[in-house]
Amino acid sequence: MHEFAIARSILKIAENHLSKQRFNKIKKISVKIGCFSCIESSSLVFNFDVIKKGTAACDAVLAIEKESGKGRCEGCGSEFKVENLPVVRCPFCNGAGIELFGGDDVTVVSMEGV
């Protein structure tokens, strides 16, 4: 259910930048969603489509790009992309101590308008 609050925040960010960009209508909002954010993309789009009605983004498309997280091996110090959990071993040294970071955020990257 947190997708509704996130969709509302995305819309608010876009509306706040509307006048700065000198747009009357928002056509597209591009966001990056981290793979560890626990956000269901289809649910986010559904909620965005519900709340955009009657706003400057009423015809806007929400474009979502997934962003990977990163892992750092505690043994060899190597960093690597992590797309899925669980990460059991380092792909470089086969070490088991992995620190995960990044990939847990949502970022509004850009918006297009007219």
PDB file of N, CA and C in Angstrom:
ATOM      1  N   MET A   1       0.814  -1.199   0.000  1.00  0.00           N
ATOM      2  CA  MET A   1       0.000   0.000   0.000  1.00  0.00           C
ATOM      3  C   MET A   1       0.860   1.267   0.000  1.00  0.00           C
ATOM      4  N   HIS A   2       2.160   1.156   0.279  1.00  0.00           N
ATOM      5  CA  HIS A   2       2.999   2.349   0.278  1.00  0.00           C
ATOM      6  C   HIS A   2       3.186   2.923  -1.121  1.00  0.00           C
ATOM      7  N   GLU A   3       2.819   2.177  -2.159  1.00  0.00           N
ATOM      8  CA  GLU A   3       2.912   2.688  -3.518  1.00  0.00           C
ATOM      9  C   GLU A   3       2.015   3.908  -3.723  1.00  0.00           C
ATOM     10  N   PHE A   4       0.880   3.971  -3.013  1.00  0.00           N
ATOM     11  CA  PHE A   4      -0.006   5.130  -3.134  1.00  0.00           C
ATOM     12  C   PHE A   4       0.699   6.392  -2.641  1.00  0.00           C
ATOM     13  N   ALA A   5       1.340   6.317  -1.490  1.00  0.00           N
ATOM     14  CA  ALA A   5       2.053   7.470  -0.940  1.00  0.00           C
ATOM     15  C   ALA A   5       3.224   7.869  -1.833  1.00  0.00           C
ATOM     16  N   ILE A   6       3.893   6.900  -2.395  1.00  0.00           N
ATOM     17  CA  ILE A   6       5.017   7.196  -3.288  1.00  0.00           C
ATOM     18  C   ILE A   6       4.516   7.845  -4.572  1.00  0.00           C
ATOM     19  N   ALA A   7       3.431   7.338  -5.128  1.00  0.00           N
ATOM     20  CA  ALA A   7       2.839   7.939  -6.333  1.00  0.00           C
ATOM     21  C   ALA A   7       2.439   9.390  -6.063  1.00  0.00           C
ATOM     22  N   ARG A   8       1.862   9.624  -4.902  1.00  0.00           N
ATOM     23  CA  ARG A   8       1.459  10.985  -4.530  1.00  0.00           C
ATOM     24  C   ARG A   8       2.684  11.894  -4.427  1.00  0.00           C
ATOM     25  N   SER A   9       3.767  11.392  -3.864  1.00  0.00           N
ATOM     26  CA  SER A   9       5.001  12.181  -3.749  1.00  0.00           C
ATOM     27  C   SER A   9       5.600  12.482  -5.115  1.00  0.00           C
ATOM     28  N   ILE A  10       5.586  11.504  -6.006  1.00  0.00           N
ATOM     29  CA  ILE A  10       6.095  11.717  -7.368  1.00  0.00           C
ATOM     30  C   ILE A  10       5.290  12.804  -8.064  1.00  0.00           C
ATOM     31  N   LEU A  11       3.972  12.740  -7.953  1.00  0.00           N
ATOM     32  CA  LEU A  11       3.111  13.747  -8.566  1.00  0.00           C
ATOM     33  C   LEU A  11       3.378  15.128  -7.973  1.00  0.00           C
ATOM     34  N   LYS A  12       3.549  15.202  -6.670  1.00  0.00           N
ATOM     35  CA  LYS A  12       3.811  16.483  -6.008  1.00  0.00           C
ATOM     36  C   LYS A  12       5.141  17.080  -6.471  1.00  0.00           C
ATOM     37  N   ILE A  13       6.159  16.253  -6.591  1.00  0.00           N
ATOM     38  CA  ILE A  13       7.459  16.724  -7.088  1.00  0.00           C
ATOM     39  C   ILE A  13       7.301  17.280  -8.494  1.00  0.00           C
ATOM     40  N   ALA A  14       6.601  16.557  -9.357  1.00  0.00           N
ATOM     41  CA  ALA A  14       6.402  17.008 -10.738  1.00  0.00           C
ATOM     42  C   ALA A  14       5.612  18.321 -10.781  1.00  0.00           C
ATOM     43  N   GLU A  15       4.567  18.403  -9.978  1.00  0.00           N
ATOM     44  CA  GLU A  15       3.769  19.637  -9.956  1.00  0.00           C
ATOM     45  C   GLU A  15       4.582  20.818  -9.442  1.00  0.00           C
ATOM     46  N   ASN A  16       5.457  20.591  -8.477  1.00  0.00           N
ATOM     47  CA  ASN A  16       6.301  21.667  -7.956  1.00  0.00           C
ATOM     48  C   ASN A  16       7.281  22.189  -9.004  1.00  0.00           C
ATOM     49  N   HIS A  17       7.671  21.344  -9.945  1.00  0.00           N
ATOM     50  CA  HIS A  17       8.610  21.752 -10.986  1.00  0.00           C
ATOM     51  C   HIS A  17       7.915  22.220 -12.270  1.00  0.00           C
ATOM     52  N   LEU A  18       6.619  22.125 -12.291  1.00  0.00           N
ATOM     53  CA  LEU A  18       5.846  22.484 -13.477  1.00  0.00           C
ATOM     54  C   LEU A  18       6.106  23.926 -13.912  1.00  0.00           C
ATOM     55  N   SER A  19       5.963  24.869 -13.000  1.00  0.00           N
ATOM     56  CA  SER A  19       6.143  26.275 -13.361  1.00  0.00           C
ATOM     57  C   SER A  19       7.605  26.609 -13.643  1.00  0.00           C
ATOM     58  N   LYS A  20       8.525  25.933 -12.968  1.00  0.00           N
ATOM     59  CA  LYS A  20       9.949  26.173 -13.224  1.00  0.00           C
ATOM     60  C   LYS A  20      10.327  25.775 -14.642  1.00  0.00           C
ATOM     61  N   GLN A  21       9.667  24.746 -15.157  1.00  0.00           N
ATOM     62  CA  GLN A  21       9.939  24.267 -16.509  1.00  0.00           C
ATOM     63  C   GLN A  21       9.082  24.982 -17.551  1.00  0.00           C
ATOM     64  N   ARG A  22       8.164  25.826 -17.083  1.00  0.00           N
ATOM     65  CA  ARG A  22       7.236  26.569 -17.950  1.00  0.00           C
ATOM     66  C   ARG A  22       6.352  25.642 -18.780  1.00  0.00           C
ATOM     67  N   PHE A  23       5.910  24.586 -18.135  1.00  0.00           N
ATOM     68  CA  PHE A  23       4.970  23.655 -18.757  1.00  0.00           C
ATOM     69  C   PHE A  23       3.568  23.970 -18.265  1.00  0.00           C
ATOM     70  N   ASN A  24       2.575  23.662 -19.112  1.00  0.00           N
ATOM     71  CA  ASN A  24       1.179  23.717 -18.692  1.00  0.00           C
ATOM     72  C   ASN A  24       0.680  22.330 -18.305  1.00  0.00           C
ATOM     73  N   LYS A  25       1.203  21.320 -19.009  1.00  0.00           N
ATOM     74  CA  LYS A  25       0.791  19.933 -18.786  1.00  0.00           C
ATOM     75  C   LYS A  25       2.024  19.049 -18.705  1.00  0.00           C
ATOM     76  N   ILE A  26       1.934  18.046 -17.884  1.00  0.00           N
ATOM     77  CA  ILE A  26       3.002  17.053 -17.773  1.00  0.00           C
ATOM     78  C   ILE A  26       2.637  15.879 -18.665  1.00  0.00           C
ATOM     79  N   LYS A  27       3.580  15.456 -19.508  1.00  0.00           N
ATOM     80  CA  LYS A  27       3.338  14.345 -20.428  1.00  0.00           C
ATOM     81  C   LYS A  27       4.001  13.051 -19.961  1.00  0.00           C
ATOM     82  N   LYS A  28       5.145  13.159 -19.309  1.00  0.00           N
ATOM     83  CA  LYS A  28       5.879  11.965 -18.896  1.00  0.00           C
ATOM     84  C   LYS A  28       6.719  12.279 -17.671  1.00  0.00           C
ATOM     85  N   ILE A  29       6.733  11.353 -16.729  1.00  0.00           N
ATOM     86  CA  ILE A  29       7.595  11.448 -15.558  1.00  0.00           C
ATOM     87  C   ILE A  29       8.427  10.170 -15.531  1.00  0.00           C
ATOM     88  N   SER A  30       9.742  10.335 -15.539  1.00  0.00           N
ATOM     89  CA  SER A  30      10.646   9.185 -15.497  1.00  0.00           C
ATOM     90  C   SER A  30      11.212   9.037 -14.096  1.00  0.00           C
ATOM     91  N   VAL A  31      11.124   7.823 -13.576  1.00  0.00           N
ATOM     92  CA  VAL A  31      11.643   7.535 -12.237  1.00  0.00           C
ATOM     93  C   VAL A  31      12.528   6.298 -12.275  1.00  0.00           C
ATOM     94  N   LYS A  32      13.481   6.256 -11.351  1.00  0.00           N
ATOM     95  CA  LYS A  32      14.294   5.064 -11.126  1.00  0.00           C
ATOM     96  C   LYS A  32      13.879   4.478  -9.792  1.00  0.00           C
ATOM     97  N   ILE A  33      13.694   3.174  -9.784  1.00  0.00           N
ATOM     98  CA  ILE A  33      13.300   2.474  -8.568  1.00  0.00           C
ATOM     99  C   ILE A  33      14.341   1.415  -8.262  1.00  0.00           C
ATOM    100  N   GLY A  34      14.902   1.478  -7.083  1.00  0.00           N
ATOM    101  CA  GLY A  34      15.902   0.504  -6.673  1.00  0.00           C
ATOM    102  C   GLY A  34      15.304  -0.881  -6.496  1.00  0.00           C
ATOM    103  N   CYS A  35      16.092  -1.893  -6.841  1.00  0.00           N
ATOM    104  CA  CYS A  35      15.596  -3.273  -6.784  1.00  0.00           C
ATOM    105  C   CYS A  35      15.346  -3.748  -5.355  1.00  0.00           C
ATOM    106  N   PHE A  36      15.887  -3.051  -4.353  1.00  0.00           N
ATOM    107  CA  PHE A  36      15.654  -3.427  -2.954  1.00  0.00           C
ATOM    108  C   PHE A  36      14.592  -2.556  -2.286  1.00  0.00           C
ATOM    109  N   SER A  37      13.901  -1.719  -3.058  1.00  0.00           N
ATOM    110  CA  SER A  37      12.953  -0.767  -2.488  1.00  0.00           C
ATOM    111  C   SER A  37      11.618  -1.394  -2.081  1.00  0.00           C
ATOM    112  N   CYS A  38      11.385  -2.609  -2.498  1.00  0.00           N
ATOM    113  CA  CYS A  38      10.123  -3.310  -2.205  1.00  0.00           C
ATOM    114  C   CYS A  38       8.917  -2.601  -2.814  1.00  0.00           C
ATOM    115  N   ILE A  39       9.132  -1.911  -3.924  1.00  0.00           N
ATOM    116  CA  ILE A  39       8.046  -1.232  -4.614  1.00  0.00           C
ATOM    117  C   ILE A  39       7.652  -2.061  -5.825  1.00  0.00           C
ATOM    118  N   GLU A  40       6.380  -2.357  -5.917  1.00  0.00           N
ATOM    119  CA  GLU A  40       5.842  -3.107  -7.049  1.00  0.00           C
ATOM    120  C   GLU A  40       5.511  -2.103  -8.149  1.00  0.00           C
ATOM    121  N   SER A  41       6.217  -2.193  -9.265  1.00  0.00           N
ATOM    122  CA  SER A  41       6.067  -1.222 -10.358  1.00  0.00           C
ATOM    123  C   SER A  41       4.634  -1.111 -10.858  1.00  0.00           C
ATOM    124  N   SER A  42       3.978  -2.235 -11.064  1.00  0.00           N
ATOM    125  CA  SER A  42       2.610  -2.180 -11.589  1.00  0.00           C
ATOM    126  C   SER A  42       1.658  -1.512 -10.607  1.00  0.00           C
ATOM    127  N   SER A  43       1.872  -1.720  -9.326  1.00  0.00           N
ATOM    128  CA  SER A  43       1.045  -1.078  -8.305  1.00  0.00           C
ATOM    129  C   SER A  43       1.306   0.427  -8.266  1.00  0.00           C
ATOM    130  N   LEU A  44       2.561   0.819  -8.442  1.00  0.00           N
ATOM    131  CA  LEU A  44       2.901   2.244  -8.467  1.00  0.00           C
ATOM    132  C   LEU A  44       2.226   2.927  -9.655  1.00  0.00           C
ATOM    133  N   VAL A  45       2.286   2.309 -10.823  1.00  0.00           N
ATOM    134  CA  VAL A  45       1.652   2.874 -12.017  1.00  0.00           C
ATOM    135  C   VAL A  45       0.139   2.959 -11.815  1.00  0.00           C
ATOM    136  N   PHE A  46      -0.463   1.907 -11.272  1.00  0.00           N
ATOM    137  CA  PHE A  46      -1.904   1.918 -11.023  1.00  0.00           C
ATOM    138  C   PHE A  46      -2.286   3.078 -10.106  1.00  0.00           C
ATOM    139  N   ASN A  47      -1.578   3.239  -9.000  1.00  0.00           N
ATOM    140  CA  ASN A  47      -1.880   4.316  -8.053  1.00  0.00           C
ATOM    141  C   ASN A  47      -1.636   5.687  -8.667  1.00  0.00           C
ATOM    142  N   PHE A  48      -0.578   5.822  -9.461  1.00  0.00           N
ATOM    143  CA  PHE A  48      -0.316   7.092 -10.132  1.00  0.00           C
ATOM    144  C   PHE A  48      -1.461   7.432 -11.084  1.00  0.00           C
ATOM    145  N   ASP A  49      -1.937   6.432 -11.831  1.00  0.00           N
ATOM    146  CA  ASP A  49      -3.041   6.664 -12.760  1.00  0.00           C
ATOM    147  C   ASP A  49      -4.320   7.096 -12.040  1.00  0.00           C
ATOM    148  N   VAL A  50      -4.510   6.637 -10.818  1.00  0.00           N
ATOM    149  CA  VAL A  50      -5.686   7.028 -10.034  1.00  0.00           C
ATOM    150  C   VAL A  50      -5.576   8.476  -9.559  1.00  0.00           C
ATOM    151  N   ILE A  51      -4.410   8.850  -9.029  1.00  0.00           N
ATOM    152  CA  ILE A  51      -4.292  10.181  -8.416  1.00  0.00           C
ATOM    153  C   ILE A  51      -4.019  11.301  -9.412  1.00  0.00           C
ATOM    154  N   LYS A  52      -3.618  10.983 -10.637  1.00  0.00           N
ATOM    155  CA  LYS A  52      -3.300  12.038 -11.600  1.00  0.00           C
ATOM    156  C   LYS A  52      -4.538  12.693 -12.212  1.00  0.00           C
ATOM    157  N   LYS A  53      -5.695  12.082 -12.038  1.00  0.00           N
ATOM    158  CA  LYS A  53      -6.928  12.617 -12.615  1.00  0.00           C
ATOM    159  C   LYS A  53      -7.216  14.009 -12.065  1.00  0.00           C
ATOM    160  N   GLY A  54      -7.524  14.932 -12.979  1.00  0.00           N
ATOM    161  CA  GLY A  54      -7.839  16.296 -12.573  1.00  0.00           C
ATOM    162  C   GLY A  54      -6.625  17.153 -12.279  1.00  0.00           C
ATOM    163  N   THR A  55      -5.427  16.661 -12.588  1.00  0.00           N
ATOM    164  CA  THR A  55      -4.206  17.435 -12.343  1.00  0.00           C
ATOM    165  C   THR A  55      -3.546  17.779 -13.673  1.00  0.00           C
ATOM    166  N   ALA A  56      -2.460  18.529 -13.611  1.00  0.00           N
ATOM    167  CA  ALA A  56      -1.696  18.864 -14.815  1.00  0.00           C
ATOM    168  C   ALA A  56      -1.032  17.629 -15.417  1.00  0.00           C
ATOM    169  N   ALA A  57      -1.040  16.529 -14.677  1.00  0.00           N
ATOM    170  CA  ALA A  57      -0.449  15.278 -15.154  1.00  0.00           C
ATOM    171  C   ALA A  57      -1.513  14.270 -15.571  1.00  0.00           C
ATOM    172  N   CYS A  58      -2.728  14.743 -15.842  1.00  0.00           N
ATOM    173  CA  CYS A  58      -3.845  13.819 -16.123  1.00  0.00           C
ATOM    174  C   CYS A  58      -3.586  12.898 -17.309  1.00  0.00           C
ATOM    175  N   ASP A  59      -2.762  13.323 -18.261  1.00  0.00           N
ATOM    176  CA  ASP A  59      -2.441  12.490 -19.422  1.00  0.00           C
ATOM    177  C   ASP A  59      -1.021  11.931 -19.362  1.00  0.00           C
ATOM    178  N   ALA A  60      -0.359  12.112 -18.241  1.00  0.00           N
ATOM    179  CA  ALA A  60       1.053  11.731 -18.123  1.00  0.00           C
ATOM    180  C   ALA A  60       1.249  10.227 -18.018  1.00  0.00           C
ATOM    181  N   VAL A  61       2.398   9.807 -18.508  1.00  0.00           N
ATOM    182  CA  VAL A  61       2.850   8.427 -18.404  1.00  0.00           C
ATOM    183  C   VAL A  61       3.948   8.383 -17.343  1.00  0.00           C
ATOM    184  N   LEU A  62       3.883   7.373 -16.498  1.00  0.00           N
ATOM    185  CA  LEU A  62       4.931   7.164 -15.509  1.00  0.00           C
ATOM    186  C   LEU A  62       5.874   6.103 -16.059  1.00  0.00           C
ATOM    187  N   ALA A  63       7.084   6.512 -16.419  1.00  0.00           N
ATOM    188  CA  ALA A  63       8.087   5.592 -16.978  1.00  0.00           C
ATOM    189  C   ALA A  63       9.023   5.152 -15.854  1.00  0.00           C
ATOM    190  N   ILE A  64       9.130   3.845 -15.673  1.00  0.00           N
ATOM    191  CA  ILE A  64       9.901   3.300 -14.560  1.00  0.00           C
ATOM    192  C   ILE A  64      11.107   2.530 -15.076  1.00  0.00           C
ATOM    193  N   GLU A  65      12.248   2.840 -14.504  1.00  0.00           N
ATOM    194  CA  GLU A  65      13.480   2.112 -14.790  1.00  0.00           C
ATOM    195  C   GLU A  65      13.955   1.483 -13.486  1.00  0.00           C
ATOM    196  N   LYS A  66      14.245   0.211 -13.514  1.00  0.00           N
ATOM    197  CA  LYS A  66      14.761  -0.482 -12.331  1.00  0.00           C
ATOM    198  C   LYS A  66      16.252  -0.198 -12.200  1.00  0.00           C
ATOM    199  N   GLU A  67      16.680   0.019 -10.959  1.00  0.00           N
ATOM    200  CA  GLU A  67      18.089   0.281 -10.680  1.00  0.00           C
ATOM    201  C   GLU A  67      18.611  -0.810  -9.755  1.00  0.00           C
ATOM    202  N   SER A  68      19.751  -1.359 -10.110  1.00  0.00           N
ATOM    203  CA  SER A  68      20.307  -2.435  -9.299  1.00  0.00           C
ATOM    204  C   SER A  68      20.933  -1.868  -8.027  1.00  0.00           C
ATOM    205  N   GLY A  69      21.096  -2.759  -7.067  1.00  0.00           N
ATOM    206  CA  GLY A  69      21.819  -2.411  -5.862  1.00  0.00           C
ATOM    207  C   GLY A  69      23.278  -2.797  -6.033  1.00  0.00           C
ATOM    208  N   LYS A  70      24.031  -2.668  -4.970  1.00  0.00           N
ATOM    209  CA  LYS A  70      25.447  -3.032  -5.015  1.00  0.00           C
ATOM    210  C   LYS A  70      25.781  -3.903  -3.821  1.00  0.00           C
ATOM    211  N   GLY A  71      26.795  -4.695  -4.029  1.00  0.00           N
ATOM    212  CA  GLY A  71      27.315  -5.517  -2.954  1.00  0.00           C
ATOM    213  C   GLY A  71      28.806  -5.263  -2.813  1.00  0.00           C
ATOM    214  N   ARG A  72      29.290  -5.384  -1.599  1.00  0.00           N
ATOM    215  CA  ARG A  72      30.728  -5.243  -1.345  1.00  0.00           C
ATOM    216  C   ARG A  72      31.160  -6.452  -0.533  1.00  0.00           C
ATOM    217  N   CYS A  73      32.168  -7.142  -1.024  1.00  0.00           N
ATOM    218  CA  CYS A  73      32.678  -8.317  -0.338  1.00  0.00           C
ATOM    219  C   CYS A  73      33.537  -7.875   0.840  1.00  0.00           C
ATOM    220  N   GLU A  74      33.224  -8.396   2.009  1.00  0.00           N
ATOM    221  CA  GLU A  74      34.007  -8.066   3.204  1.00  0.00           C
ATOM    222  C   GLU A  74      35.382  -8.722   3.174  1.00  0.00           C
ATOM    223  N   GLY A  75      35.531  -9.773   2.364  1.00  0.00           N
ATOM    224  CA  GLY A  75      36.812 -10.470   2.267  1.00  0.00           C
ATOM    225  C   GLY A  75      37.800  -9.797   1.341  1.00  0.00           C
ATOM    226  N   CYS A  76      37.397  -9.605   0.077  1.00  0.00           N
ATOM    227  CA  CYS A  76      38.334  -9.058  -0.917  1.00  0.00           C
ATOM    228  C   CYS A  76      38.095  -7.584  -1.228  1.00  0.00           C
ATOM    229  N   GLY A  77      36.962  -7.019  -0.769  1.00  0.00           N
ATOM    230  CA  GLY A  77      36.673  -5.604  -0.990  1.00  0.00           C
ATOM    231  C   GLY A  77      36.087  -5.275  -2.346  1.00  0.00           C
ATOM    232  N   SER A  78      35.844  -6.275  -3.172  1.00  0.00           N
ATOM    233  CA  SER A  78      35.282  -6.038  -4.504  1.00  0.00           C
ATOM    234  C   SER A  78      33.841  -5.553  -4.401  1.00  0.00           C
ATOM    235  N   GLU A  79      33.465  -4.666  -5.323  1.00  0.00           N
ATOM    236  CA  GLU A  79      32.080  -4.207  -5.422  1.00  0.00           C
ATOM    237  C   GLU A  79      31.479  -4.747  -6.711  1.00  0.00           C
ATOM    238  N   PHE A  80      30.183  -5.049  -6.650  1.00  0.00           N
ATOM    239  CA  PHE A  80      29.507  -5.637  -7.798  1.00  0.00           C
ATOM    240  C   PHE A  80      28.032  -5.309  -7.747  1.00  0.00           C
ATOM    241  N   LYS A  81      27.393  -5.369  -8.925  1.00  0.00           N
ATOM    242  CA  LYS A  81      25.953  -5.123  -9.019  1.00  0.00           C
ATOM    243  C   LYS A  81      25.192  -6.299  -8.433  1.00  0.00           C
ATOM    244  N   VAL A  82      24.080  -5.972  -7.784  1.00  0.00           N
ATOM    245  CA  VAL A  82      23.199  -7.000  -7.243  1.00  0.00           C
ATOM    246  C   VAL A  82      21.799  -6.726  -7.774  1.00  0.00           C
ATOM    247  N   GLU A  83      21.243  -7.682  -8.478  1.00  0.00           N
ATOM    248  CA  GLU A  83      19.910  -7.536  -9.054  1.00  0.00           C
ATOM    249  C   GLU A  83      18.850  -8.244  -8.224  1.00  0.00           C
ATOM    250  N   ASN A  84      19.232  -9.356  -7.617  1.00  0.00           N
ATOM    251  CA  ASN A  84      18.270 -10.177  -6.871  1.00  0.00           C
ATOM    252  C   ASN A  84      18.865 -10.624  -5.540  1.00  0.00           C
ATOM    253  N   LEU A  85      17.988 -10.896  -4.632  1.00  0.00           N
ATOM    254  CA  LEU A  85      18.402 -11.454  -3.347  1.00  0.00           C
ATOM    255  C   LEU A  85      17.994 -12.914  -3.289  1.00  0.00           C
ATOM    256  N   PRO A  86      18.572 -13.736  -2.509  1.00  0.00           N
ATOM    257  CA  PRO A  86      19.721 -13.436  -1.664  1.00  0.00           C
ATOM    258  C   PRO A  86      21.037 -13.547  -2.435  1.00  0.00           C
ATOM    259  N   VAL A  87      22.000 -12.738  -2.031  1.00  0.00           N
ATOM    260  CA  VAL A  87      23.358 -12.853  -2.542  1.00  0.00           C
ATOM    261  C   VAL A  87      24.098 -13.715  -1.528  1.00  0.00           C
ATOM    262  N   VAL A  88      24.610 -14.826  -1.977  1.00  0.00           N
ATOM    263  CA  VAL A  88      25.232 -15.770  -1.061  1.00  0.00           C
ATOM    264  C   VAL A  88      26.753 -15.681  -1.103  1.00  0.00           C
ATOM    265  N   ARG A  89      27.299 -15.443  -2.272  1.00  0.00           N
ATOM    266  CA  ARG A  89      28.749 -15.461  -2.433  1.00  0.00           C
ATOM    267  C   ARG A  89      29.232 -14.315  -3.313  1.00  0.00           C
ATOM    268  N   CYS A  90      30.453 -13.872  -3.048  1.00  0.00           N
ATOM    269  CA  CYS A  90      31.108 -12.871  -3.880  1.00  0.00           C
ATOM    270  C   CYS A  90      31.441 -13.503  -5.230  1.00  0.00           C
ATOM    271  N   PRO A  91      31.123 -12.819  -6.343  1.00  0.00           N
ATOM    272  CA  PRO A  91      31.432 -13.391  -7.653  1.00  0.00           C
ATOM    273  C   PRO A  91      32.926 -13.370  -7.989  1.00  0.00           C
ATOM    274  N   PHE A  92      33.733 -12.688  -7.180  1.00  0.00           N
ATOM    275  CA  PHE A  92      35.167 -12.586  -7.459  1.00  0.00           C
ATOM    276  C   PHE A  92      35.996 -13.585  -6.651  1.00  0.00           C
ATOM    277  N   CYS A  93      35.699 -13.701  -5.335  1.00  0.00           N
ATOM    278  CA  CYS A  93      36.520 -14.574  -4.490  1.00  0.00           C
ATOM    279  C   CYS A  93      35.723 -15.702  -3.840  1.00  0.00           C
ATOM    280  N   ASN A  94      34.411 -15.711  -4.087  1.00  0.00           N
ATOM    281  CA  ASN A  94      33.508 -16.713  -3.518  1.00  0.00           C
ATOM    282  C   ASN A  94      33.338 -16.544  -2.001  1.00  0.00           C
ATOM    283  N   GLY A  95      33.699 -15.376  -1.480  1.00  0.00           N
ATOM    284  CA  GLY A  95      33.526 -15.092  -0.052  1.00  0.00           C
ATOM    285  C   GLY A  95      32.055 -14.961   0.317  1.00  0.00           C
ATOM    286  N   ALA A  96      31.765 -15.259   1.586  1.00  0.00           N
ATOM    287  CA  ALA A  96      30.365 -15.268   2.035  1.00  0.00           C
ATOM    288  C   ALA A  96      29.928 -13.977   2.718  1.00  0.00           C
ATOM    289  N   GLY A  97      30.828 -13.125   3.127  1.00  0.00           N
ATOM    290  CA  GLY A  97      30.464 -11.884   3.814  1.00  0.00           C
ATOM    291  C   GLY A  97      30.187 -10.784   2.816  1.00  0.00           C
ATOM    292  N   ILE A  98      28.916 -10.470   2.604  1.00  0.00           N
ATOM    293  CA  ILE A  98      28.517  -9.468   1.609  1.00  0.00           C
ATOM    294  C   ILE A  98      27.755  -8.342   2.291  1.00  0.00           C
ATOM    295  N   GLU A  99      28.205  -7.117   2.070  1.00  0.00           N
ATOM    296  CA  GLU A  99      27.485  -5.927   2.549  1.00  0.00           C
ATOM    297  C   GLU A  99      26.705  -5.364   1.369  1.00  0.00           C
ATOM    298  N   LEU A 100      25.400  -5.167   1.551  1.00  0.00           N
ATOM    299  CA  LEU A 100      24.551  -4.619   0.497  1.00  0.00           C
ATOM    300  C   LEU A 100      24.349  -3.126   0.721  1.00  0.00           C
ATOM    301  N   PHE A 101      24.328  -2.369  -0.365  1.00  0.00           N
ATOM    302  CA  PHE A 101      24.043  -0.939  -0.261  1.00  0.00           C
ATOM    303  C   PHE A 101      23.454  -0.454  -1.578  1.00  0.00           C
ATOM    304  N   GLY A 102      22.788   0.703  -1.504  1.00  0.00           N
ATOM    305  CA  GLY A 102      22.139   1.266  -2.687  1.00  0.00           C
ATOM    306  C   GLY A 102      20.940   0.427  -3.100  1.00  0.00           C
ATOM    307  N   GLY A 103      20.277   0.848  -4.147  1.00  0.00           N
ATOM    308  CA  GLY A 103      19.174   0.092  -4.702  1.00  0.00           C
ATOM    309  C   GLY A 103      17.904   0.094  -3.876  1.00  0.00           C
ATOM    310  N   ASP A 104      17.806   1.022  -2.923  1.00  0.00           N
ATOM    311  CA  ASP A 104      16.615   1.048  -2.068  1.00  0.00           C
ATOM    312  C   ASP A 104      15.868   2.371  -2.160  1.00  0.00           C
ATOM    313  N   ASP A 105      16.166   3.151  -3.173  1.00  0.00           N
ATOM    314  CA  ASP A 105      15.553   4.469  -3.269  1.00  0.00           C
ATOM    315  C   ASP A 105      14.670   4.615  -4.502  1.00  0.00           C
ATOM    316  N   VAL A 106      13.930   5.706  -4.513  1.00  0.00           N
ATOM    317  CA  VAL A 106      13.106   6.097  -5.657  1.00  0.00           C
ATOM    318  C   VAL A 106      13.541   7.506  -6.036  1.00  0.00           C
ATOM    319  N   THR A 107      13.863   7.696  -7.310  1.00  0.00           N
ATOM    320  CA  THR A 107      14.361   8.994  -7.768  1.00  0.00           C
ATOM    321  C   THR A 107      13.573   9.463  -8.978  1.00  0.00           C
ATOM    322  N   VAL A 108      13.048  10.676  -8.902  1.00  0.00           N
ATOM    323  CA  VAL A 108      12.428  11.291 -10.072  1.00  0.00           C
ATOM    324  C   VAL A 108      13.590  11.814 -10.922  1.00  0.00           C
ATOM    325  N   VAL A 109      13.728  11.253 -12.120  1.00  0.00           N
ATOM    326  CA  VAL A 109      14.872  11.559 -12.977  1.00  0.00           C
ATOM    327  C   VAL A 109      14.578  12.747 -13.896  1.00  0.00           C
ATOM    328  N   SER A 110      13.403  12.733 -14.508  1.00  0.00           N
ATOM    329  CA  SER A 110      13.054  13.804 -15.433  1.00  0.00           C
ATOM    330  C   SER A 110      11.553  13.844 -15.662  1.00  0.00           C
ATOM    331  N   MET A 111      11.137  14.923 -16.288  1.00  0.00           N
ATOM    332  CA  MET A 111       9.753  15.010 -16.711  1.00  0.00           C
ATOM    333  C   MET A 111       9.679  15.763 -18.030  1.00  0.00           C
ATOM    334  N   GLU A 112       8.671  15.420 -18.803  1.00  0.00           N
ATOM    335  CA  GLU A 112       8.446  16.068 -20.087  1.00  0.00           C
ATOM    336  C   GLU A 112       7.070  16.711 -20.033  1.00  0.00           C
ATOM    337  N   GLY A 113       6.960  17.836 -20.693  1.00  0.00           N
ATOM    338  CA  GLY A 113       5.673  18.529 -20.695  1.00  0.00           C
ATOM    339  C   GLY A 113       5.512  19.399 -21.904  1.00  0.00           C
ATOM    340  N   VAL A 114       4.368  20.042 -21.945  1.00  0.00           N
ATOM    341  CA  VAL A 114       4.053  20.963 -23.040  1.00  0.00           C
ATOM    342  C   VAL A 114       3.539  22.259 -22.454  1.00  0.00           C
TER     343      VAL A 114
END
